[in-house]
Amino acid sequence: LKACFNAEEPMPVEERLSPGAEVVLGEGAFSGLKASVLRVMPAGRRVQVLLDILGRPTAVEVDRRFVALEKNSVAHLLPFLAAAPQPELVQA
C-alpha cells in the first residue's frame, strides 16, 4: 500500500452513507442487524437508523463507526472489520 500512495498527501474519503442506504450494525445490542439510514448527523458522528424491533419500525441513533454499508464483498467490509475489537495475540 505504501508504494501506491504518497504518505504526504491526504486522501479524501467519500462519504457514501446517505438517507435510504441499507446498512449492517456491527457493535452493541443491535450487532448484526440490518437497518435503513434515516439521517446522518455529522456534528456528533452519529447516524439515525430504522430498525425492525419486535415487528415494529424503531428509529435508533448509533455511533457512525459501527455502521457499515450492506455489501457482499470483503473489500466493502474492510473499514467495518478494522473497527471491530481484535483479540490479543498469545505469544509462546
PDB file of N, CA and C in Angstrom:
ATOM      1  N   LEU A   1       0.812  -1.192   0.000  1.00  0.00           N
ATOM      2  CA  LEU A   1       0.000   0.000   0.000  1.00  0.00           C
ATOM      3  C   LEU A   1       0.854   1.255   0.000  1.00  0.00           C
ATOM      4  N   LYS A   2       1.961   1.218   0.734  1.00  0.00           N
ATOM      5  CA  LYS A   2       2.821   2.395   0.789  1.00  0.00           C
ATOM      6  C   LYS A   2       3.340   2.785  -0.589  1.00  0.00           C
ATOM      7  N   ALA A   3       3.592   1.780  -1.447  1.00  0.00           N
ATOM      8  CA  ALA A   3       4.089   2.059  -2.789  1.00  0.00           C
ATOM      9  C   ALA A   3       3.024   2.730  -3.653  1.00  0.00           C
ATOM     10  N   CYS A   4       1.753   2.514  -3.339  1.00  0.00           N
ATOM     11  CA  CYS A   4       0.657   3.051  -4.148  1.00  0.00           C
ATOM     12  C   CYS A   4       0.236   4.457  -3.746  1.00  0.00           C
ATOM     13  N   PHE A   5       0.515   4.864  -2.507  1.00  0.00           N
ATOM     14  CA  PHE A   5       0.027   6.147  -2.014  1.00  0.00           C
ATOM     15  C   PHE A   5       1.165   6.970  -1.443  1.00  0.00           C
ATOM     16  N   ASN A   6       1.165   8.244  -1.757  1.00  0.00           N
ATOM     17  CA  ASN A   6       2.157   9.157  -1.219  1.00  0.00           C
ATOM     18  C   ASN A   6       1.759   9.497   0.212  1.00  0.00           C
ATOM     19  N   ALA A   7       2.637   9.250   1.159  1.00  0.00           N
ATOM     20  CA  ALA A   7       2.341   9.455   2.580  1.00  0.00           C
ATOM     21  C   ALA A   7       2.128  10.927   2.918  1.00  0.00           C
ATOM     22  N   GLU A   8       2.611  11.832   2.095  1.00  0.00           N
ATOM     23  CA  GLU A   8       2.498  13.263   2.373  1.00  0.00           C
ATOM     24  C   GLU A   8       1.152  13.843   1.942  1.00  0.00           C
ATOM     25  N   GLU A   9       0.421  13.145   1.102  1.00  0.00           N
ATOM     26  CA  GLU A   9      -0.842  13.672   0.587  1.00  0.00           C
ATOM     27  C   GLU A   9      -2.030  13.093   1.343  1.00  0.00           C
ATOM     28  N   PRO A  10      -2.903  13.964   1.856  1.00  0.00           N
ATOM     29  CA  PRO A  10      -4.122  13.432   2.485  1.00  0.00           C
ATOM     30  C   PRO A  10      -5.044  12.854   1.413  1.00  0.00           C
ATOM     31  N   MET A  11      -5.714  11.789   1.757  1.00  0.00           N
ATOM     32  CA  MET A  11      -6.629  11.152   0.813  1.00  0.00           C
ATOM     33  C   MET A  11      -8.066  11.491   1.199  1.00  0.00           C
ATOM     34  N   PRO A  12      -8.832  12.043   0.272  1.00  0.00           N
ATOM     35  CA  PRO A  12     -10.230  12.313   0.588  1.00  0.00           C
ATOM     36  C   PRO A  12     -11.002  10.998   0.703  1.00  0.00           C
ATOM     37  N   VAL A  13     -11.909  10.965   1.654  1.00  0.00           N
ATOM     38  CA  VAL A  13     -12.727   9.777   1.849  1.00  0.00           C
ATOM     39  C   VAL A  13     -14.146  10.122   1.450  1.00  0.00           C
ATOM     40  N   GLU A  14     -14.684   9.363   0.522  1.00  0.00           N
ATOM     41  CA  GLU A  14     -16.041   9.606   0.045  1.00  0.00           C
ATOM     42  C   GLU A  14     -17.041   9.075   1.064  1.00  0.00           C
ATOM     43  N   GLU A  15     -17.938   9.935   1.500  1.00  0.00           N
ATOM     44  CA  GLU A  15     -18.978   9.538   2.445  1.00  0.00           C
ATOM     45  C   GLU A  15     -20.141   8.974   1.644  1.00  0.00           C
ATOM     46  N   ARG A  16     -20.324   7.679   1.680  1.00  0.00           N
ATOM     47  CA  ARG A  16     -21.383   7.028   0.913  1.00  0.00           C
ATOM     48  C   ARG A  16     -22.649   6.828   1.726  1.00  0.00           C
ATOM     49  N   LEU A  17     -22.583   7.089   2.999  1.00  0.00           N
ATOM     50  CA  LEU A  17     -23.738   6.891   3.855  1.00  0.00           C
ATOM     51  C   LEU A  17     -24.716   8.033   3.631  1.00  0.00           C
ATOM     52  N   SER A  18     -25.926   7.703   3.224  1.00  0.00           N
ATOM     53  CA  SER A  18     -26.939   8.716   2.975  1.00  0.00           C
ATOM     54  C   SER A  18     -28.302   8.141   3.332  1.00  0.00           C
ATOM     55  N   PRO A  19     -29.288   9.009   3.547  1.00  0.00           N
ATOM     56  CA  PRO A  19     -30.621   8.511   3.875  1.00  0.00           C
ATOM     57  C   PRO A  19     -31.117   7.499   2.841  1.00  0.00           C
ATOM     58  N   GLY A  20     -31.655   6.404   3.346  1.00  0.00           N
ATOM     59  CA  GLY A  20     -32.153   5.336   2.482  1.00  0.00           C
ATOM     60  C   GLY A  20     -31.166   4.202   2.270  1.00  0.00           C
ATOM     61  N   ALA A  21     -29.892   4.416   2.628  1.00  0.00           N
ATOM     62  CA  ALA A  21     -28.876   3.378   2.441  1.00  0.00           C
ATOM     63  C   ALA A  21     -29.150   2.202   3.384  1.00  0.00           C
ATOM     64  N   GLU A  22     -28.941   0.999   2.881  1.00  0.00           N
ATOM     65  CA  GLU A  22     -29.084  -0.209   3.694  1.00  0.00           C
ATOM     66  C   GLU A  22     -27.758  -0.482   4.377  1.00  0.00           C
ATOM     67  N   VAL A  23     -27.799  -0.672   5.695  1.00  0.00           N
ATOM     68  CA  VAL A  23     -26.572  -0.860   6.473  1.00  0.00           C
ATOM     69  C   VAL A  23     -26.707  -2.064   7.399  1.00  0.00           C
ATOM     70  N   VAL A  24     -25.559  -2.473   7.957  1.00  0.00           N
ATOM     71  CA  VAL A  24     -25.499  -3.528   8.966  1.00  0.00           C
ATOM     72  C   VAL A  24     -24.823  -2.917  10.182  1.00  0.00           C
ATOM     73  N   LEU A  25     -25.370  -3.158  11.363  1.00  0.00           N
ATOM     74  CA  LEU A  25     -24.775  -2.659  12.598  1.00  0.00           C
ATOM     75  C   LEU A  25     -23.757  -3.668  13.105  1.00  0.00           C
ATOM     76  N   GLY A  26     -22.626  -3.185  13.613  1.00  0.00           N
ATOM     77  CA  GLY A  26     -21.558  -4.087  13.987  1.00  0.00           C
ATOM     78  C   GLY A  26     -21.132  -4.034  15.437  1.00  0.00           C
ATOM     79  N   GLU A  27     -21.891  -3.390  16.288  1.00  0.00           N
ATOM     80  CA  GLU A  27     -21.463  -3.267  17.682  1.00  0.00           C
ATOM     81  C   GLU A  27     -22.692  -3.074  18.554  1.00  0.00           C
ATOM     82  N   GLY A  28     -22.593  -3.500  19.792  1.00  0.00           N
ATOM     83  CA  GLY A  28     -23.657  -3.264  20.763  1.00  0.00           C
ATOM     84  C   GLY A  28     -24.795  -4.262  20.685  1.00  0.00           C
ATOM     85  N   ALA A  29     -25.903  -3.873  21.279  1.00  0.00           N
ATOM     86  CA  ALA A  29     -27.065  -4.763  21.378  1.00  0.00           C
ATOM     87  C   ALA A  29     -27.667  -5.107  20.023  1.00  0.00           C
ATOM     88  N   PHE A  30     -27.454  -4.265  19.030  1.00  0.00           N
ATOM     89  CA  PHE A  30     -28.050  -4.490  17.712  1.00  0.00           C
ATOM     90  C   PHE A  30     -27.051  -5.051  16.703  1.00  0.00           C
ATOM     91  N   SER A  31     -25.922  -5.543  17.167  1.00  0.00           N
ATOM     92  CA  SER A  31     -24.874  -6.066  16.292  1.00  0.00           C
ATOM     93  C   SER A  31     -25.413  -7.129  15.349  1.00  0.00           C
ATOM     94  N   GLY A  32     -25.110  -6.964  14.059  1.00  0.00           N
ATOM     95  CA  GLY A  32     -25.524  -7.924  13.044  1.00  0.00           C
ATOM     96  C   GLY A  32     -26.875  -7.632  12.424  1.00  0.00           C
ATOM     97  N   LEU A  33     -27.629  -6.690  12.981  1.00  0.00           N
ATOM     98  CA  LEU A  33     -28.944  -6.371  12.428  1.00  0.00           C
ATOM     99  C   LEU A  33     -28.824  -5.448  11.224  1.00  0.00           C
ATOM    100  N   LYS A  34     -29.728  -5.627  10.282  1.00  0.00           N
ATOM    101  CA  LYS A  34     -29.798  -4.749   9.118  1.00  0.00           C
ATOM    102  C   LYS A  34     -30.731  -3.597   9.438  1.00  0.00           C
ATOM    103  N   ALA A  35     -30.418  -2.430   8.861  1.00  0.00           N
ATOM    104  CA  ALA A  35     -31.209  -1.232   9.105  1.00  0.00           C
ATOM    105  C   ALA A  35     -31.152  -0.335   7.882  1.00  0.00           C
ATOM    106  N   SER A  36     -32.006   0.681   7.877  1.00  0.00           N
ATOM    107  CA  SER A  36     -32.006   1.710   6.838  1.00  0.00           C
ATOM    108  C   SER A  36     -31.622   3.037   7.481  1.00  0.00           C
ATOM    109  N   VAL A  37     -30.773   3.803   6.805  1.00  0.00           N
ATOM    110  CA  VAL A  37     -30.351   5.097   7.325  1.00  0.00           C
ATOM    111  C   VAL A  37     -31.489   6.100   7.166  1.00  0.00           C
ATOM    112  N   LEU A  38     -31.822   6.768   8.268  1.00  0.00           N
ATOM    113  CA  LEU A  38     -32.809   7.843   8.218  1.00  0.00           C
ATOM    114  C   LEU A  38     -32.122   9.189   8.015  1.00  0.00           C
ATOM    115  N   ARG A  39     -31.031   9.427   8.798  1.00  0.00           N
ATOM    116  CA  ARG A  39     -30.265  10.658   8.623  1.00  0.00           C
ATOM    117  C   ARG A  39     -28.872  10.490   9.213  1.00  0.00           C
ATOM    118  N   VAL A  40     -27.936  11.232   8.646  1.00  0.00           N
ATOM    119  CA  VAL A  40     -26.548  11.247   9.105  1.00  0.00           C
ATOM    120  C   VAL A  40     -26.352  12.552   9.852  1.00  0.00           C
ATOM    121  N   MET A  41     -25.833  12.462  11.071  1.00  0.00           N
ATOM    122  CA  MET A  41     -25.620  13.638  11.908  1.00  0.00           C
ATOM    123  C   MET A  41     -24.121  13.865  12.049  1.00  0.00           C
ATOM    124  N   PRO A  42     -23.518  14.666  11.157  1.00  0.00           N
ATOM    125  CA  PRO A  42     -22.065  14.801  11.122  1.00  0.00           C
ATOM    126  C   PRO A  42     -21.453  15.426  12.368  1.00  0.00           C
ATOM    127  N   ALA A  43     -22.138  16.339  13.013  1.00  0.00           N
ATOM    128  CA  ALA A  43     -21.549  17.000  14.180  1.00  0.00           C
ATOM    129  C   ALA A  43     -21.252  16.021  15.309  1.00  0.00           C
ATOM    130  N   GLY A  44     -22.146  15.084  15.542  1.00  0.00           N
ATOM    131  CA  GLY A  44     -21.956  14.138  16.627  1.00  0.00           C
ATOM    132  C   GLY A  44     -21.424  12.795  16.185  1.00  0.00           C
ATOM    133  N   ARG A  45     -21.098  12.660  14.886  1.00  0.00           N
ATOM    134  CA  ARG A  45     -20.627  11.380  14.347  1.00  0.00           C
ATOM    135  C   ARG A  45     -21.620  10.270  14.672  1.00  0.00           C
ATOM    136  N   ARG A  46     -22.894  10.581  14.583  1.00  0.00           N
ATOM    137  CA  ARG A  46     -23.952   9.623  14.859  1.00  0.00           C
ATOM    138  C   ARG A  46     -24.797   9.451  13.607  1.00  0.00           C
ATOM    139  N   VAL A  47     -25.498   8.332  13.561  1.00  0.00           N
ATOM    140  CA  VAL A  47     -26.387   8.026  12.449  1.00  0.00           C
ATOM    141  C   VAL A  47     -27.705   7.560  13.040  1.00  0.00           C
ATOM    142  N   GLN A  48     -28.795   8.072  12.502  1.00  0.00           N
ATOM    143  CA  GLN A  48     -30.106   7.588  12.920  1.00  0.00           C
ATOM    144  C   GLN A  48     -30.542   6.547  11.903  1.00  0.00           C
ATOM    145  N   VAL A  49     -30.838   5.343  12.406  1.00  0.00           N
ATOM    146  CA  VAL A  49     -31.242   4.242  11.533  1.00  0.00           C
ATOM    147  C   VAL A  49     -32.622   3.737  11.945  1.00  0.00           C
ATOM    148  N   LEU A  50     -33.261   3.070  11.012  1.00  0.00           N
ATOM    149  CA  LEU A  50     -34.567   2.484  11.263  1.00  0.00           C
ATOM    150  C   LEU A  50     -34.391   0.974  11.369  1.00  0.00           C
ATOM    151  N   LEU A  51     -34.663   0.435  12.564  1.00  0.00           N
ATOM    152  CA  LEU A  51     -34.547  -0.996  12.834  1.00  0.00           C
ATOM    153  C   LEU A  51     -35.930  -1.610  12.972  1.00  0.00           C
ATOM    154  N   ASP A  52     -36.025  -2.888  12.695  1.00  0.00           N
ATOM    155  CA  ASP A  52     -37.251  -3.626  12.954  1.00  0.00           C
ATOM    156  C   ASP A  52     -37.050  -4.332  14.286  1.00  0.00           C
ATOM    157  N   ILE A  53     -37.678  -3.807  15.345  1.00  0.00           N
ATOM    158  CA  ILE A  53     -37.553  -4.392  16.677  1.00  0.00           C
ATOM    159  C   ILE A  53     -38.917  -4.919  17.088  1.00  0.00           C
ATOM    160  N   LEU A  54     -38.990  -6.232  17.309  1.00  0.00           N
ATOM    161  CA  LEU A  54     -40.236  -6.893  17.685  1.00  0.00           C
ATOM    162  C   LEU A  54     -41.368  -6.581  16.712  1.00  0.00           C
ATOM    163  N   GLY A  55     -41.019  -6.551  15.419  1.00  0.00           N
ATOM    164  CA  GLY A  55     -42.029  -6.350  14.387  1.00  0.00           C
ATOM    165  C   GLY A  55     -42.460  -4.911  14.184  1.00  0.00           C
ATOM    166  N   ARG A  56     -41.797  -3.974  14.840  1.00  0.00           N
ATOM    167  CA  ARG A  56     -42.153  -2.563  14.700  1.00  0.00           C
ATOM    168  C   ARG A  56     -40.945  -1.756  14.255  1.00  0.00           C
ATOM    169  N   PRO A  57     -41.128  -0.847  13.309  1.00  0.00           N
ATOM    170  CA  PRO A  57     -40.014   0.021  12.912  1.00  0.00           C
ATOM    171  C   PRO A  57     -39.682   0.992  14.042  1.00  0.00           C
ATOM    172  N   THR A  58     -38.399   1.048  14.404  1.00  0.00           N
ATOM    173  CA  THR A  58     -37.947   1.880  15.514  1.00  0.00           C
ATOM    174  C   THR A  58     -36.715   2.674  15.101  1.00  0.00           C
ATOM    175  N   ALA A  59     -36.749   3.987  15.304  1.00  0.00           N
ATOM    176  CA  ALA A  59     -35.597   4.837  14.995  1.00  0.00           C
ATOM    177  C   ALA A  59     -34.614   4.772  16.163  1.00  0.00           C
ATOM    178  N   VAL A  60     -33.334   4.520  15.837  1.00  0.00           N
ATOM    179  CA  VAL A  60     -32.287   4.393  16.844  1.00  0.00           C
ATOM    180  C   VAL A  60     -31.072   5.186  16.375  1.00  0.00           C
ATOM    181  N   GLU A  61     -30.430   5.915  17.295  1.00  0.00           N
ATOM    182  CA  GLU A  61     -29.187   6.608  16.975  1.00  0.00           C
ATOM    183  C   GLU A  61     -28.009   5.744  17.394  1.00  0.00           C
ATOM    184  N   VAL A  62     -27.041   5.582  16.481  1.00  0.00           N
ATOM    185  CA  VAL A  62     -25.861   4.765  16.764  1.00  0.00           C
ATOM    186  C   VAL A  62     -24.603   5.523  16.342  1.00  0.00           C
ATOM    187  N   ASP A  63     -23.469   5.106  16.875  1.00  0.00           N
ATOM    188  CA  ASP A  63     -22.178   5.681  16.523  1.00  0.00           C
ATOM    189  C   ASP A  63     -21.863   5.350  15.070  1.00  0.00           C
ATOM    190  N   ARG A  64     -21.397   6.324  14.319  1.00  0.00           N
ATOM    191  CA  ARG A  64     -21.101   6.156  12.892  1.00  0.00           C
ATOM    192  C   ARG A  64     -20.061   5.059  12.643  1.00  0.00           C
ATOM    193  N   ARG A  65     -19.142   4.860  13.589  1.00  0.00           N
ATOM    194  CA  ARG A  65     -18.071   3.875  13.394  1.00  0.00           C
ATOM    195  C   ARG A  65     -18.599   2.453  13.322  1.00  0.00           C
ATOM    196  N   PHE A  66     -19.777   2.202  13.863  1.00  0.00           N
ATOM    197  CA  PHE A  66     -20.288   0.841  13.932  1.00  0.00           C
ATOM    198  C   PHE A  66     -21.371   0.556  12.912  1.00  0.00           C
ATOM    199  N   VAL A  67     -21.408   1.370  11.853  1.00  0.00           N
ATOM    200  CA  VAL A  67     -22.385   1.194  10.788  1.00  0.00           C
ATOM    201  C   VAL A  67     -21.623   0.938   9.494  1.00  0.00           C
ATOM    202  N   ALA A  68     -21.980  -0.127   8.776  1.00  0.00           N
ATOM    203  CA  ALA A  68     -21.332  -0.449   7.509  1.00  0.00           C
ATOM    204  C   ALA A  68     -22.388  -0.624   6.435  1.00  0.00           C
ATOM    205  N   LEU A  69     -22.092  -0.115   5.249  1.00  0.00           N
ATOM    206  CA  LEU A  69     -22.988  -0.343   4.128  1.00  0.00           C
ATOM    207  C   LEU A  69     -23.110  -1.836   3.876  1.00  0.00           C
ATOM    208  N   GLU A  70     -24.295  -2.261   3.536  1.00  0.00           N
ATOM    209  CA  GLU A  70     -24.516  -3.682   3.296  1.00  0.00           C
ATOM    210  C   GLU A  70     -24.021  -4.020   1.890  1.00  0.00           C
ATOM    211  N   LYS A  71     -22.931  -4.738   1.832  1.00  0.00           N
ATOM    212  CA  LYS A  71     -22.338  -5.169   0.564  1.00  0.00           C
ATOM    213  C   LYS A  71     -21.962  -6.635   0.697  1.00  0.00           C
ATOM    214  N   ASN A  72     -21.718  -7.285  -0.430  1.00  0.00           N
ATOM    215  CA  ASN A  72     -21.409  -8.708  -0.417  1.00  0.00           C
ATOM    216  C   ASN A  72     -19.931  -9.024  -0.552  1.00  0.00           C
ATOM    217  N   SER A  73     -19.074  -8.016  -0.706  1.00  0.00           N
ATOM    218  CA  SER A  73     -17.658  -8.318  -0.885  1.00  0.00           C
ATOM    219  C   SER A  73     -16.850  -7.900   0.344  1.00  0.00           C
ATOM    220  N   VAL A  74     -15.764  -8.582   0.573  1.00  0.00           N
ATOM    221  CA  VAL A  74     -14.891  -8.283   1.699  1.00  0.00           C
ATOM    222  C   VAL A  74     -14.284  -6.890   1.537  1.00  0.00           C
ATOM    223  N   ALA A  75     -14.016  -6.469   0.314  1.00  0.00           N
ATOM    224  CA  ALA A  75     -13.421  -5.155   0.072  1.00  0.00           C
ATOM    225  C   ALA A  75     -14.302  -4.040   0.621  1.00  0.00           C
ATOM    226  N   HIS A  76     -15.602  -4.182   0.514  1.00  0.00           N
ATOM    227  CA  HIS A  76     -16.508  -3.165   1.032  1.00  0.00           C
ATOM    228  C   HIS A  76     -16.615  -3.215   2.552  1.00  0.00           C
ATOM    229  N   LEU A  77     -16.295  -4.361   3.156  1.00  0.00           N
ATOM    230  CA  LEU A  77     -16.420  -4.507   4.597  1.00  0.00           C
ATOM    231  C   LEU A  77     -15.137  -4.217   5.368  1.00  0.00           C
ATOM    232  N   LEU A  78     -14.024  -3.934   4.690  1.00  0.00           N
ATOM    233  CA  LEU A  78     -12.753  -3.730   5.385  1.00  0.00           C
ATOM    234  C   LEU A  78     -12.796  -2.645   6.459  1.00  0.00           C
ATOM    235  N   PRO A  79     -13.366  -1.460   6.221  1.00  0.00           N
ATOM    236  CA  PRO A  79     -13.412  -0.474   7.311  1.00  0.00           C
ATOM    237  C   PRO A  79     -14.210  -0.975   8.509  1.00  0.00           C
ATOM    238  N   PHE A  80     -15.260  -1.703   8.255  1.00  0.00           N
ATOM    239  CA  PHE A  80     -16.106  -2.252   9.307  1.00  0.00           C
ATOM    240  C   PHE A  80     -15.339  -3.311  10.105  1.00  0.00           C
ATOM    241  N   LEU A  81     -14.609  -4.164   9.406  1.00  0.00           N
ATOM    242  CA  LEU A  81     -13.838  -5.217  10.062  1.00  0.00           C
ATOM    243  C   LEU A  81     -12.676  -4.627  10.859  1.00  0.00           C
ATOM    244  N   ALA A  82     -12.073  -3.566  10.343  1.00  0.00           N
ATOM    245  CA  ALA A  82     -10.947  -2.943  11.035  1.00  0.00           C
ATOM    246  C   ALA A  82     -11.387  -2.288  12.342  1.00  0.00           C
ATOM    247  N   ALA A  83     -12.638  -1.845  12.425  1.00  0.00           N
ATOM    248  CA  ALA A  83     -13.141  -1.191  13.634  1.00  0.00           C
ATOM    249  C   ALA A  83     -13.504  -2.198  14.726  1.00  0.00           C
ATOM    250  N   ALA A  84     -13.632  -3.465  14.357  1.00  0.00           N
ATOM    251  CA  ALA A  84     -14.010  -4.490  15.341  1.00  0.00           C
ATOM    252  C   ALA A  84     -12.864  -4.729  16.317  1.00  0.00           C
ATOM    253  N   PRO A  85     -13.182  -5.011  17.576  1.00  0.00           N
ATOM    254  CA  PRO A  85     -12.130  -5.311  18.555  1.00  0.00           C
ATOM    255  C   PRO A  85     -11.311  -6.522  18.125  1.00  0.00           C
ATOM    256  N   GLN A  86     -10.005  -6.421  18.264  1.00  0.00           N
ATOM    257  CA  GLN A  86      -9.111  -7.501  17.862  1.00  0.00           C
ATOM    258  C   GLN A  86      -8.699  -8.318  19.084  1.00  0.00           C
ATOM    259  N   PRO A  87      -8.701  -9.638  18.974  1.00  0.00           N
ATOM    260  CA  PRO A  87      -8.248 -10.465  20.101  1.00  0.00           C
ATOM    261  C   PRO A  87      -6.740 -10.297  20.301  1.00  0.00           C
ATOM    262  N   GLU A  88      -6.312 -10.417  21.543  1.00  0.00           N
ATOM    263  CA  GLU A  88      -4.882 -10.287  21.825  1.00  0.00           C
ATOM    264  C   GLU A  88      -4.151 -11.533  21.327  1.00  0.00           C
ATOM    265  N   LEU A  89      -2.969 -11.320  20.790  1.00  0.00           N
ATOM    266  CA  LEU A  89      -2.164 -12.435  20.289  1.00  0.00           C
ATOM    267  C   LEU A  89      -1.458 -13.092  21.475  1.00  0.00           C
ATOM    268  N   VAL A  90      -1.471 -14.394  21.499  1.00  0.00           N
ATOM    269  CA  VAL A  90      -0.780 -15.141  22.552  1.00  0.00           C
ATOM    270  C   VAL A  90       0.578 -15.541  22.023  1.00  0.00           C
ATOM    271  N   GLN A  91       1.629 -15.131  22.730  1.00  0.00           N
ATOM    272  CA  GLN A  91       2.979 -15.479  22.300  1.00  0.00           C
ATOM    273  C   GLN A  91       3.512 -16.610  23.169  1.00  0.00           C
ATOM    274  N   ALA A  92       4.123 -17.581  22.530  1.00  0.00           N
ATOM    275  CA  ALA A  92       4.657 -18.730  23.250  1.00  0.00           C
ATOM    276  C   ALA A  92       6.046 -18.471  23.748  1.00  0.00           C
TER     277      ALA A  92
END
